Amino acid sequence: MKKAWILSIFLFLLVCGCSKNRWDIKIDVNNELEINRFEQDLFSVNPDSVWQSVPKLEQKYGAFFDLFNEQIIRIGGTNQMDYDSRLSGFLTDMDITGMLAEVNRVFGTGKLPFSNELTEAWSRFNFYFPEIQAPNVQTHLSGLNQSMVVDSGLISVSLDKYLGANNKYYQMLRLPQYQQKNMHPQKIATDVVLALGTSEFEFNPITDNMLSNMLYYGKLHVLIDALLPNVDETLKWGYTEQQLEWCRKNEQSMWLSIVDKKALFSTSGREISRMVGEGPFTASFSQKSPGGVGQWIGYQIVMSYLDHNSQVTLQQLMRENDYQKILNESHYRP
């Protein structure tokens, strides 16, 4: 019995030691996630008989149909007399129909290539947060206006924002390279989980400062670990391997710089945006740094907090808004 007990402990430690992600556990995957293709339904409308199709779209897509008309493509609501001509103009616009052709080329018109990833992610979300109804997921074409639309109980993916780096439309619009490199289909799953995180676990800090913003994004990236445990780091962060290596090598110097400049408790929106926002690089550091590196540092602090507080569950972490407490109990020493 003693040998068996020692062997079981050894096997347990071996398994734990080999695990790269504490959240990578086996779960029962629920039924396949249904993703409605709004853009396919919309562009099946005959431009010459818009009014005949509007009731069906309103019935199937509810409030999102109004949101799409009024806030995404901004043609106004269906209560306008000229709504039919405005929607018809959108449906027949050469650039829009060209983007639709690209969407169909990249994603097809049926099952989406990322549906299996999101099915697993939603099953894991249900495992960790059974009390929360995960939002429905659908797709649309926005004319490059948004990547994600989050509404009550809904996340909609703008597929034209994920056609692949250097797509001809991105080139025509001269979008910055740092944006284009993450506008590809493999990035959708992590972006959807981020949208889910910001929707279900809103930013509600005790103090809105640099620290709270960094750690909030750190928590969201832990959520990605939990719901997409096999995702590659380059996809999770939207960084190249070289940029990740730069972060690893310069973690200590970046942290000391933040502390020395007393930036950690800054409430300046401009400074916070420069640290955690999107960009070609993080202005507070070298031009070799990736953009938004404050999120990466925040993640390291949150991971240190979890390492030192193994009893903290994912549910507790996502609902913890005392970011000073997380820092204090992280014992973070890069």
Protein backbone atom coordinates (compact mmCIF):
# COMPACT_ATOMS: atom_id res chain seq x y z
CA MET A 1 0.00 0.00 0.00
CA LYS A 2 2.82 2.37 0.86
CA LYS A 3 4.52 1.79 -2.50
CA ALA A 4 1.24 2.27 -4.32
CA TRP A 5 0.60 5.50 -2.44
CA ILE A 6 4.06 6.83 -3.23
CA LEU A 7 3.60 5.85 -6.88
CA SER A 8 0.26 7.64 -7.12
CA ILE A 9 1.78 10.79 -5.62
CA PHE A 10 4.66 10.55 -8.10
CA LEU A 11 2.26 10.23 -11.03
CA PHE A 12 0.22 13.16 -9.75
CA LEU A 13 3.31 15.35 -9.48
CA LEU A 14 4.48 14.19 -12.88
CA VAL A 15 1.19 15.16 -14.48
CA CYS A 16 1.10 18.50 -12.69
CA GLY A 17 4.69 19.20 -13.54
CA CYS A 18 4.05 18.58 -17.24
CA SER A 19 0.94 20.75 -17.36
CA LYS A 20 1.50 24.15 -18.93
CA ASN A 21 -1.90 25.47 -17.94
CA ARG A 22 -3.66 24.92 -14.63
CA TRP A 23 -7.01 25.36 -16.38
CA ASP A 24 -6.38 22.66 -19.01
CA ILE A 25 -8.79 20.12 -17.57
CA LYS A 26 -10.96 17.56 -19.30
CA ILE A 27 -14.57 18.63 -19.58
CA ASP A 28 -17.67 17.37 -21.33
CA VAL A 29 -18.18 19.41 -24.47
CA ASN A 30 -21.78 20.48 -24.85
CA ASN A 31 -23.73 20.54 -28.08
CA GLU A 32 -22.04 22.31 -30.96
CA LEU A 33 -22.34 26.07 -30.71
CA GLU A 34 -24.78 27.48 -33.26
CA ILE A 35 -23.44 30.59 -34.94
CA ASN A 36 -25.95 32.55 -37.00
CA ARG A 37 -24.61 34.02 -40.23
CA PHE A 38 -26.35 37.41 -40.30
CA GLU A 39 -24.35 38.56 -43.32
CA GLN A 40 -25.56 35.58 -45.34
CA ASP A 41 -29.18 36.27 -44.45
CA LEU A 42 -28.79 39.99 -45.10
CA PHE A 43 -27.22 39.64 -48.51
CA SER A 44 -29.82 37.12 -49.60
CA VAL A 45 -32.28 40.05 -49.58
CA ASN A 46 -33.34 41.23 -53.01
CA PRO A 47 -32.27 44.90 -53.22
CA ASP A 48 -35.39 45.64 -55.25
CA SER A 49 -37.77 44.27 -52.60
CA VAL A 50 -36.21 45.17 -49.26
CA TRP A 51 -39.50 45.70 -47.43
CA GLN A 52 -40.57 42.09 -48.03
CA SER A 53 -37.52 40.76 -46.17
CA VAL A 54 -37.36 43.21 -43.27
CA PRO A 55 -39.96 41.46 -41.05
CA LYS A 56 -38.07 38.13 -41.24
CA LEU A 57 -34.77 39.78 -40.34
CA GLU A 58 -36.37 41.68 -37.47
CA GLN A 59 -37.95 38.48 -36.16
CA LYS A 60 -34.74 36.43 -36.34
CA TYR A 61 -32.22 39.02 -35.16
CA GLY A 62 -34.31 41.24 -32.92
CA ALA A 63 -32.56 44.28 -31.44
CA PHE A 64 -29.33 43.50 -33.31
CA PHE A 65 -31.02 44.31 -36.63
CA ASP A 66 -31.79 47.82 -35.37
CA LEU A 67 -28.29 48.18 -33.92
CA PHE A 68 -26.76 47.09 -37.23
CA ASN A 69 -28.78 49.61 -39.21
CA GLU A 70 -28.40 52.55 -36.87
CA GLN A 71 -24.95 52.16 -35.31
CA ILE A 72 -22.86 49.84 -37.48
CA ILE A 73 -23.67 50.83 -41.09
CA ARG A 74 -25.52 54.01 -39.98
CA ILE A 75 -28.32 54.09 -42.51
CA GLY A 76 -31.02 54.77 -39.93
CA GLY A 77 -33.93 52.68 -38.72
CA THR A 78 -36.69 50.89 -40.58
CA ASN A 79 -39.12 53.63 -39.56
CA GLN A 80 -37.62 55.93 -42.18
CA MET A 81 -39.45 56.28 -45.48
CA ASP A 82 -36.27 55.89 -47.52
CA TYR A 83 -34.87 53.00 -45.49
CA ASP A 84 -35.32 50.55 -48.38
CA SER A 85 -33.21 52.64 -50.75
CA ARG A 86 -30.51 53.11 -48.09
CA LEU A 87 -30.24 49.39 -47.35
CA SER A 88 -30.37 48.63 -51.07
CA GLY A 89 -27.46 51.01 -51.57
CA PHE A 90 -25.45 49.14 -48.92
CA LEU A 91 -26.28 45.73 -50.43
CA THR A 92 -25.19 46.80 -53.92
CA ASP A 93 -22.14 48.91 -53.01
CA MET A 94 -19.18 47.55 -54.98
CA ASP A 95 -16.74 47.70 -52.06
CA ILE A 96 -19.21 45.99 -49.73
CA THR A 97 -20.06 43.22 -52.19
CA GLY A 98 -16.33 42.81 -52.83
CA MET A 99 -15.75 42.35 -49.09
CA LEU A 100 -18.60 39.85 -48.97
CA ALA A 101 -16.89 37.86 -51.72
CA GLU A 102 -13.71 37.89 -49.64
CA VAL A 103 -15.64 36.79 -46.54
CA ASN A 104 -17.15 33.89 -48.48
CA ARG A 105 -13.74 32.97 -49.90
CA VAL A 106 -12.04 32.92 -46.49
CA PHE A 107 -14.86 31.55 -44.33
CA GLY A 108 -17.23 29.83 -46.74
CA THR A 109 -20.98 30.18 -46.43
CA GLY A 110 -21.64 27.30 -44.03
CA LYS A 111 -19.93 26.10 -40.87
CA LEU A 112 -17.26 28.49 -39.70
CA PRO A 113 -13.67 27.29 -39.15
CA PHE A 114 -13.58 28.67 -35.59
CA SER A 115 -16.87 27.13 -34.45
CA ASN A 116 -15.20 24.11 -32.79
CA GLU A 117 -12.91 26.37 -30.75
CA LEU A 118 -15.83 28.46 -29.56
CA THR A 119 -17.92 25.36 -28.82
CA GLU A 120 -15.20 24.19 -26.43
CA ALA A 121 -14.75 27.69 -25.00
CA TRP A 122 -18.48 28.02 -24.29
CA SER A 123 -18.53 24.54 -22.70
CA ARG A 124 -15.64 25.53 -20.44
CA PHE A 125 -17.35 28.81 -19.59
CA ASN A 126 -20.46 26.86 -18.58
CA PHE A 127 -18.29 24.58 -16.41
CA TYR A 128 -16.67 27.48 -14.53
CA PHE A 129 -19.67 29.83 -14.51
CA PRO A 130 -22.83 27.67 -14.65
CA GLU A 131 -24.89 30.54 -13.24
CA ILE A 132 -24.14 32.77 -16.26
CA GLN A 133 -25.86 32.29 -19.60
CA ALA A 134 -23.15 32.66 -22.23
CA PRO A 135 -24.06 35.14 -24.99
CA ASN A 136 -25.17 33.93 -28.39
CA VAL A 137 -22.60 34.26 -31.16
CA GLN A 138 -23.23 35.39 -34.70
CA THR A 139 -21.35 37.01 -37.59
CA HIS A 140 -21.89 40.08 -39.73
CA LEU A 141 -20.15 42.33 -42.25
CA SER A 142 -19.58 45.86 -40.97
CA GLY A 143 -17.69 47.57 -43.77
CA LEU A 144 -14.59 47.47 -41.53
CA ASN A 145 -16.29 49.46 -38.76
CA GLN A 146 -15.87 47.06 -35.80
CA SER A 147 -14.22 43.76 -34.99
CA MET A 148 -16.73 42.76 -32.31
CA VAL A 149 -20.18 44.00 -31.42
CA VAL A 150 -21.31 43.19 -27.89
CA ASP A 151 -24.97 43.64 -27.11
CA SER A 152 -27.27 42.22 -24.44
CA GLY A 153 -26.83 38.45 -24.63
CA LEU A 154 -24.99 38.64 -27.95
CA ILE A 155 -21.50 38.80 -29.45
CA SER A 156 -21.30 39.41 -33.19
CA VAL A 157 -18.08 38.98 -35.16
CA SER A 158 -17.37 41.29 -38.09
CA LEU A 159 -15.81 38.77 -40.46
CA ASP A 160 -14.49 41.45 -42.81
CA LYS A 161 -12.05 42.44 -40.05
CA TYR A 162 -10.42 38.96 -40.15
CA LEU A 163 -9.70 38.34 -43.83
CA GLY A 164 -5.97 37.86 -43.35
CA ALA A 165 -2.97 40.17 -43.03
CA ASN A 166 -2.25 42.21 -46.16
CA ASN A 167 -5.72 41.61 -47.59
CA LYS A 168 -6.28 43.88 -50.59
CA TYR A 169 -8.93 45.92 -48.77
CA TYR A 170 -6.64 46.52 -45.82
CA GLN A 171 -3.93 47.58 -48.24
CA MET A 172 -6.31 49.94 -50.07
CA LEU A 173 -7.22 51.61 -46.80
CA ARG A 174 -3.55 51.67 -45.74
CA LEU A 175 -4.29 50.18 -42.35
CA PRO A 176 -1.21 50.13 -40.09
CA GLN A 177 0.81 46.92 -40.19
CA TYR A 178 0.50 46.38 -36.44
CA GLN A 179 -3.27 46.19 -36.94
CA GLN A 180 -3.18 44.09 -40.10
CA LYS A 181 -1.03 41.38 -38.56
CA ASN A 182 -3.88 40.44 -36.20
CA MET A 183 -6.69 40.67 -38.76
CA HIS A 184 -6.75 36.97 -39.61
CA PRO A 185 -9.20 34.11 -38.89
CA GLN A 186 -7.07 32.44 -36.20
CA LYS A 187 -7.43 35.55 -34.01
CA ILE A 188 -11.21 35.38 -33.82
CA ALA A 189 -11.53 32.89 -30.95
CA THR A 190 -9.33 34.86 -28.55
CA ASP A 191 -11.02 38.14 -29.51
CA VAL A 192 -14.44 36.60 -28.87
CA VAL A 193 -13.34 35.39 -25.41
CA LEU A 194 -12.00 38.89 -24.64
CA ALA A 195 -15.36 40.31 -25.69
CA LEU A 196 -17.08 37.74 -23.46
CA GLY A 197 -14.83 38.71 -20.55
CA THR A 198 -15.41 42.45 -20.87
CA SER A 199 -19.15 41.83 -21.20
CA GLU A 200 -19.62 39.47 -18.26
CA PHE A 201 -16.92 40.86 -15.94
CA GLU A 202 -17.02 44.59 -16.35
CA PHE A 203 -14.19 46.87 -15.26
CA ASN A 204 -15.33 48.08 -11.86
CA PRO A 205 -12.21 48.95 -9.85
CA ILE A 206 -12.02 50.52 -6.43
CA THR A 207 -9.63 53.04 -8.01
CA ASP A 208 -9.37 53.58 -11.77
CA ASN A 209 -5.62 53.86 -12.24
CA MET A 210 -2.76 52.30 -14.19
CA LEU A 211 -2.52 49.32 -11.84
CA SER A 212 -6.20 48.43 -12.02
CA ASN A 213 -6.21 48.63 -15.82
CA MET A 214 -3.11 46.47 -16.18
CA LEU A 215 -4.45 43.81 -13.81
CA TYR A 216 -7.93 43.85 -15.32
CA TYR A 217 -6.47 42.95 -18.70
CA GLY A 218 -4.28 40.41 -16.95
CA LYS A 219 -7.43 38.74 -15.59
CA LEU A 220 -9.00 38.70 -19.07
CA HIS A 221 -5.96 36.88 -20.42
CA VAL A 222 -6.26 34.34 -17.63
CA LEU A 223 -9.83 33.81 -18.83
CA ILE A 224 -8.42 33.06 -22.29
CA ASP A 225 -6.12 30.48 -20.66
CA ALA A 226 -9.14 28.86 -19.02
CA LEU A 227 -11.49 28.83 -22.01
CA LEU A 228 -8.91 28.27 -24.75
CA PRO A 229 -6.19 26.33 -22.91
CA ASN A 230 -4.39 25.19 -26.05
CA VAL A 231 -4.14 28.55 -27.77
CA ASP A 232 -0.66 29.63 -28.78
CA GLU A 233 0.85 32.59 -26.92
CA THR A 234 1.37 34.48 -30.15
CA LEU A 235 -2.36 34.27 -30.87
CA LYS A 236 -3.37 35.11 -27.32
CA TRP A 237 -1.30 38.27 -27.25
CA GLY A 238 -1.24 39.13 -30.93
CA TYR A 239 2.54 39.36 -30.65
CA THR A 240 5.25 37.75 -32.73
CA GLU A 241 7.56 35.27 -31.02
CA GLN A 242 10.30 37.91 -31.20
CA GLN A 243 8.07 40.42 -29.39
CA LEU A 244 7.23 37.87 -26.70
CA GLU A 245 10.91 37.14 -26.23
CA TRP A 246 11.56 40.87 -25.89
CA CYS A 247 8.93 41.04 -23.15
CA ARG A 248 10.46 38.11 -21.28
CA LYS A 249 13.96 39.58 -21.44
CA ASN A 250 12.85 43.05 -20.39
CA GLU A 251 10.19 42.20 -17.82
CA GLN A 252 12.26 43.35 -14.85
CA SER A 253 13.47 46.57 -16.44
CA MET A 254 9.93 47.48 -17.57
CA TRP A 255 8.55 46.89 -14.10
CA LEU A 256 11.30 48.92 -12.43
CA SER A 257 10.72 51.73 -14.91
CA ILE A 258 7.00 51.83 -14.08
CA VAL A 259 7.75 51.87 -10.35
CA ASP A 260 10.55 54.43 -10.58
CA LYS A 261 8.38 56.82 -12.60
CA LYS A 262 5.56 56.39 -10.09
CA ALA A 263 3.32 55.54 -13.03
CA LEU A 264 1.64 52.56 -11.36
CA PHE A 265 -0.97 54.69 -9.63
CA SER A 266 -1.39 57.26 -12.38
CA THR A 267 -5.00 58.14 -13.19
CA SER A 268 -4.10 59.86 -16.46
CA GLY A 269 -6.24 58.38 -19.23
CA ARG A 270 -3.53 59.24 -21.76
CA GLU A 271 -0.79 57.45 -19.80
CA ILE A 272 -3.00 54.42 -19.18
CA SER A 273 -3.95 54.19 -22.86
CA ARG A 274 -0.29 54.34 -23.89
CA MET A 275 0.49 51.46 -21.54
CA VAL A 276 -2.40 49.05 -22.23
CA GLY A 277 -3.81 50.26 -25.55
CA GLU A 278 -3.18 49.04 -29.07
CA GLY A 279 -0.24 50.50 -30.95
CA PRO A 280 2.88 49.71 -32.97
CA PHE A 281 4.86 49.74 -29.71
CA THR A 282 4.47 50.86 -26.10
CA ALA A 283 5.63 54.47 -25.99
CA SER A 284 6.91 54.23 -22.40
CA PHE A 285 9.50 51.67 -23.53
CA SER A 286 11.62 50.80 -26.52
CA GLN A 287 10.26 50.89 -30.06
CA LYS A 288 11.14 47.20 -30.10
CA SER A 289 8.41 46.59 -27.55
CA PRO A 290 4.96 45.44 -28.71
CA GLY A 291 1.92 47.62 -28.19
CA GLY A 292 -0.10 47.32 -25.00
CA VAL A 293 2.71 45.64 -23.08
CA GLY A 294 1.09 46.82 -19.84
CA GLN A 295 -1.46 44.05 -20.37
CA TRP A 296 1.34 41.48 -20.55
CA ILE A 297 2.91 42.77 -17.31
CA GLY A 298 -0.51 42.76 -15.67
CA TYR A 299 -0.90 39.13 -16.64
CA GLN A 300 2.45 38.25 -15.06
CA ILE A 301 1.32 39.89 -11.80
CA VAL A 302 -2.01 38.05 -11.84
CA MET A 303 -0.25 34.74 -12.51
CA SER A 304 2.11 35.41 -9.59
CA TYR A 305 -0.95 36.14 -7.43
CA LEU A 306 -2.49 32.80 -8.43
CA ASP A 307 0.79 30.97 -7.81
CA HIS A 308 0.91 32.37 -4.26
CA ASN A 309 -2.82 31.87 -3.63
CA SER A 310 -3.65 28.45 -5.03
CA GLN A 311 -7.01 28.43 -3.26
CA VAL A 312 -8.32 31.29 -5.42
CA THR A 313 -10.72 29.99 -8.03
CA LEU A 314 -11.28 31.39 -11.50
CA GLN A 315 -14.69 32.60 -10.38
CA GLN A 316 -13.19 34.49 -7.45
CA LEU A 317 -10.43 35.96 -9.60
CA MET A 318 -12.76 37.31 -12.27
CA ARG A 319 -14.94 38.96 -9.63
CA GLU A 320 -12.06 40.44 -7.61
CA ASN A 321 -11.99 44.21 -8.09
CA ASP A 322 -9.45 45.06 -5.38
CA TYR A 323 -6.41 45.32 -7.63
CA GLN A 324 -4.17 46.65 -4.87
CA LYS A 325 -4.91 43.44 -2.98
CA ILE A 326 -3.94 41.34 -6.01
CA LEU A 327 -0.65 43.23 -6.30
CA ASN A 328 0.11 42.96 -2.57
CA GLU A 329 -0.61 39.25 -2.45
CA SER A 330 1.15 38.48 -5.72
CA HIS A 331 4.63 39.02 -4.22
CA TYR A 332 5.57 39.94 -7.78
CA ARG A 333 9.34 40.07 -8.20
CA PRO A 334 10.35 39.88 -11.87
